[in-house]
Amino acid sequence: MPHAEHSVIVGHSIDEVFAFLADGENDPRWRNGVLDIARVEGEGVGARYRQGVKGPMGRRVAADYEVTEFAPPRALGFRAIAGPVRPEGRYELEPVGDGTRVRFALECSPTGFARVMTPMVARTMRSEVQAIERLPAAMSG
C-alpha cells in the first residue's frame, strides 16, 4: 500500500491555515496538478468537490473527493471518490511559535488494473505531498 507524507511550517495561525485548506477551491494555488475544482455539495464532513487533475499526456482525469474528517483547527481528512486511483488523505495541523506545522499524508490501496501502476502511484503521491512546500507562498500571495 503506497504511503507518502511531508510537513511544512506556514507563517500563519492554525485557524487561518485550517480555513485555507478546508476550502478545496484554494488547491490550485498550491497544487500544480489541479486543473479545475468546485465544491458541489455540503460543508464539513460530507462536503464533495468535483476535481480534475493532470493525467498522462496532460489529459484531465477526474479526481473528485469527499471530506471524511473535519476537526477545526487540527485535522482535515478526505477520500477520492472518482478516478482510477482513490487515495485517502489527511492534514494534521499544530501551532509552532507564530506559525503552524502542517503534515500532509496520503495512502491508497490500488485494486484491479491500478495495482500494476503501484510504482507510478507511489511517485505521484510523493510529489503530491511535497507540494505542501508551496502552501506558505500561496497563503502569502
Protein backbone atom coordinates (compact mmCIF):
# COMPACT_ATOMS: atom_id res chain seq x y z
CA MET A 1 0.00 0.00 0.00
CA PRO A 2 1.66 3.26 -1.10
CA HIS A 3 2.01 5.89 1.62
CA ALA A 4 3.61 9.34 1.50
CA GLU A 5 3.79 12.25 3.89
CA HIS A 6 5.50 15.60 4.18
CA SER A 7 5.44 18.54 6.61
CA VAL A 8 5.94 22.27 6.31
CA ILE A 9 5.71 25.26 8.63
CA VAL A 10 3.41 28.05 7.47
CA GLY A 11 3.73 31.56 8.91
CA HIS A 12 0.01 31.91 9.65
CA SER A 13 -2.19 30.99 12.59
CA ILE A 14 -3.61 27.49 12.82
CA ASP A 15 -7.12 28.86 12.25
CA GLU A 16 -6.08 30.66 9.05
CA VAL A 17 -4.25 27.60 7.70
CA PHE A 18 -7.15 25.26 8.51
CA ALA A 19 -9.64 27.60 6.81
CA PHE A 20 -7.42 27.82 3.71
CA LEU A 21 -7.02 24.05 3.43
CA ALA A 22 -10.69 23.35 4.24
CA ASP A 23 -11.70 25.36 1.17
CA GLY A 24 -10.69 22.94 -1.58
CA GLU A 25 -11.16 25.68 -4.15
CA ASN A 26 -7.82 27.07 -2.92
CA ASP A 27 -5.99 23.91 -4.07
CA PRO A 28 -4.93 25.23 -7.50
CA ARG A 29 -2.99 27.99 -5.69
CA TRP A 30 -0.51 25.41 -4.33
CA ARG A 31 -1.16 22.10 -6.14
CA ASN A 32 0.15 22.42 -9.71
CA GLY A 33 -1.67 19.30 -10.92
CA VAL A 34 -5.17 20.64 -10.24
CA LEU A 35 -6.83 21.79 -13.46
CA ASP A 36 -10.24 22.64 -12.02
CA ILE A 37 -12.13 22.22 -8.78
CA ALA A 38 -15.52 23.21 -7.41
CA ARG A 39 -17.46 22.33 -4.29
CA VAL A 40 -20.64 20.63 -5.44
CA GLU A 41 -22.24 19.64 -2.15
CA GLY A 42 -22.21 20.25 1.60
CA GLU A 43 -19.81 21.68 4.12
CA GLY A 44 -17.60 19.96 6.68
CA VAL A 45 -17.80 16.16 6.77
CA GLY A 46 -19.59 15.02 3.63
CA ALA A 47 -18.64 18.03 1.51
CA ARG A 48 -17.89 16.91 -2.04
CA TYR A 49 -15.63 18.50 -4.62
CA ARG A 50 -15.55 17.89 -8.36
CA GLN A 51 -11.87 18.00 -9.32
CA GLY A 52 -9.87 17.48 -12.48
CA VAL A 53 -6.13 16.81 -12.33
CA LYS A 54 -3.42 16.49 -14.96
CA GLY A 55 -3.12 12.90 -16.05
CA PRO A 56 -0.97 11.14 -18.64
CA MET A 57 -0.33 13.24 -21.73
CA GLY A 58 -1.73 16.28 -19.91
CA ARG A 59 -5.28 14.99 -20.15
CA ARG A 60 -7.85 15.77 -17.48
CA VAL A 61 -8.50 12.92 -15.06
CA ALA A 62 -11.45 13.01 -12.68
CA ALA A 63 -10.26 13.07 -9.07
CA ASP A 64 -13.42 14.06 -7.18
CA TYR A 65 -13.24 13.79 -3.41
CA GLU A 66 -15.29 13.84 -0.25
CA VAL A 67 -14.34 15.31 3.14
CA THR A 68 -14.26 12.48 5.72
CA GLU A 69 -12.88 14.32 8.74
CA PHE A 70 -13.43 17.93 9.74
CA ALA A 71 -11.97 18.80 13.14
CA PRO A 72 -11.09 22.53 13.18
CA PRO A 73 -8.40 23.60 13.54
CA ARG A 74 -6.41 20.38 13.96
CA ALA A 75 -7.36 17.82 11.30
CA LEU A 76 -8.94 17.52 7.89
CA GLY A 77 -9.39 14.23 6.03
CA PHE A 78 -10.66 13.26 2.60
CA ARG A 79 -11.03 10.34 0.22
CA ALA A 80 -11.11 10.25 -3.56
CA ILE A 81 -14.46 9.12 -4.95
CA ALA A 82 -13.64 9.24 -8.67
CA GLY A 83 -10.69 8.37 -10.85
CA PRO A 84 -8.51 5.34 -11.46
CA VAL A 85 -6.68 5.73 -8.13
CA ARG A 86 -8.59 6.53 -4.95
CA PRO A 87 -6.27 7.70 -2.20
CA GLU A 88 -7.22 8.85 1.26
CA GLY A 89 -5.52 11.93 2.66
CA ARG A 90 -5.19 13.83 5.89
CA TYR A 91 -3.86 17.19 7.01
CA GLU A 92 -2.73 17.48 10.63
CA LEU A 93 -2.07 20.96 11.99
CA GLU A 94 -0.31 22.11 15.14
CA PRO A 95 0.76 25.55 16.35
CA VAL A 96 4.51 26.17 16.24
CA GLY A 97 5.67 29.56 17.53
CA ASP A 98 3.92 32.21 15.42
CA GLY A 99 3.03 29.71 12.70
CA THR A 100 1.57 26.29 12.04
CA ARG A 101 3.12 22.95 11.18
CA VAL A 102 1.10 21.14 8.52
CA ARG A 103 1.61 17.42 7.95
CA PHE A 104 0.06 16.13 4.72
CA ALA A 105 -0.26 12.35 4.31
CA LEU A 106 -1.69 10.22 1.51
CA GLU A 107 -2.23 6.49 1.27
CA CYS A 108 -4.08 4.18 -1.06
CA SER A 109 -4.75 0.53 -1.73
CA PRO A 110 -4.69 0.11 -5.51
CA THR A 111 -7.09 -2.51 -6.83
CA GLY A 112 -7.56 -4.13 -10.21
CA PHE A 113 -5.53 -2.58 -13.01
CA ALA A 114 -4.31 0.20 -10.70
CA ARG A 115 -2.19 -2.39 -8.82
CA VAL A 116 0.01 -2.66 -11.90
CA MET A 117 0.56 1.08 -11.62
CA THR A 118 1.63 0.95 -7.92
CA PRO A 119 5.19 2.31 -8.51
CA MET A 120 3.82 5.23 -10.54
CA VAL A 121 1.09 5.83 -7.95
CA ALA A 122 3.72 5.92 -5.18
CA ARG A 123 5.79 8.52 -7.11
CA THR A 124 2.72 10.65 -7.77
CA MET A 125 1.73 10.52 -4.11
CA ARG A 126 5.23 11.62 -3.02
CA SER A 127 5.01 14.54 -5.44
CA GLU A 128 1.53 15.47 -4.17
CA VAL A 129 2.51 15.61 -0.50
CA GLN A 130 5.70 17.54 -1.29
CA ALA A 131 3.53 20.17 -2.97
CA ILE A 132 2.68 21.30 0.57
CA GLU A 133 6.00 23.18 0.33
CA ARG A 134 4.16 25.71 -1.89
CA LEU A 135 1.48 26.35 0.75
CA PRO A 136 3.32 29.15 2.61
CA ALA A 137 3.77 31.16 -0.60
CA ALA A 138 0.19 30.51 -1.68
CA MET A 139 -1.14 31.84 1.60
CA SER A 140 1.11 34.90 1.49
CA GLY A 141 0.35 35.76 -2.13
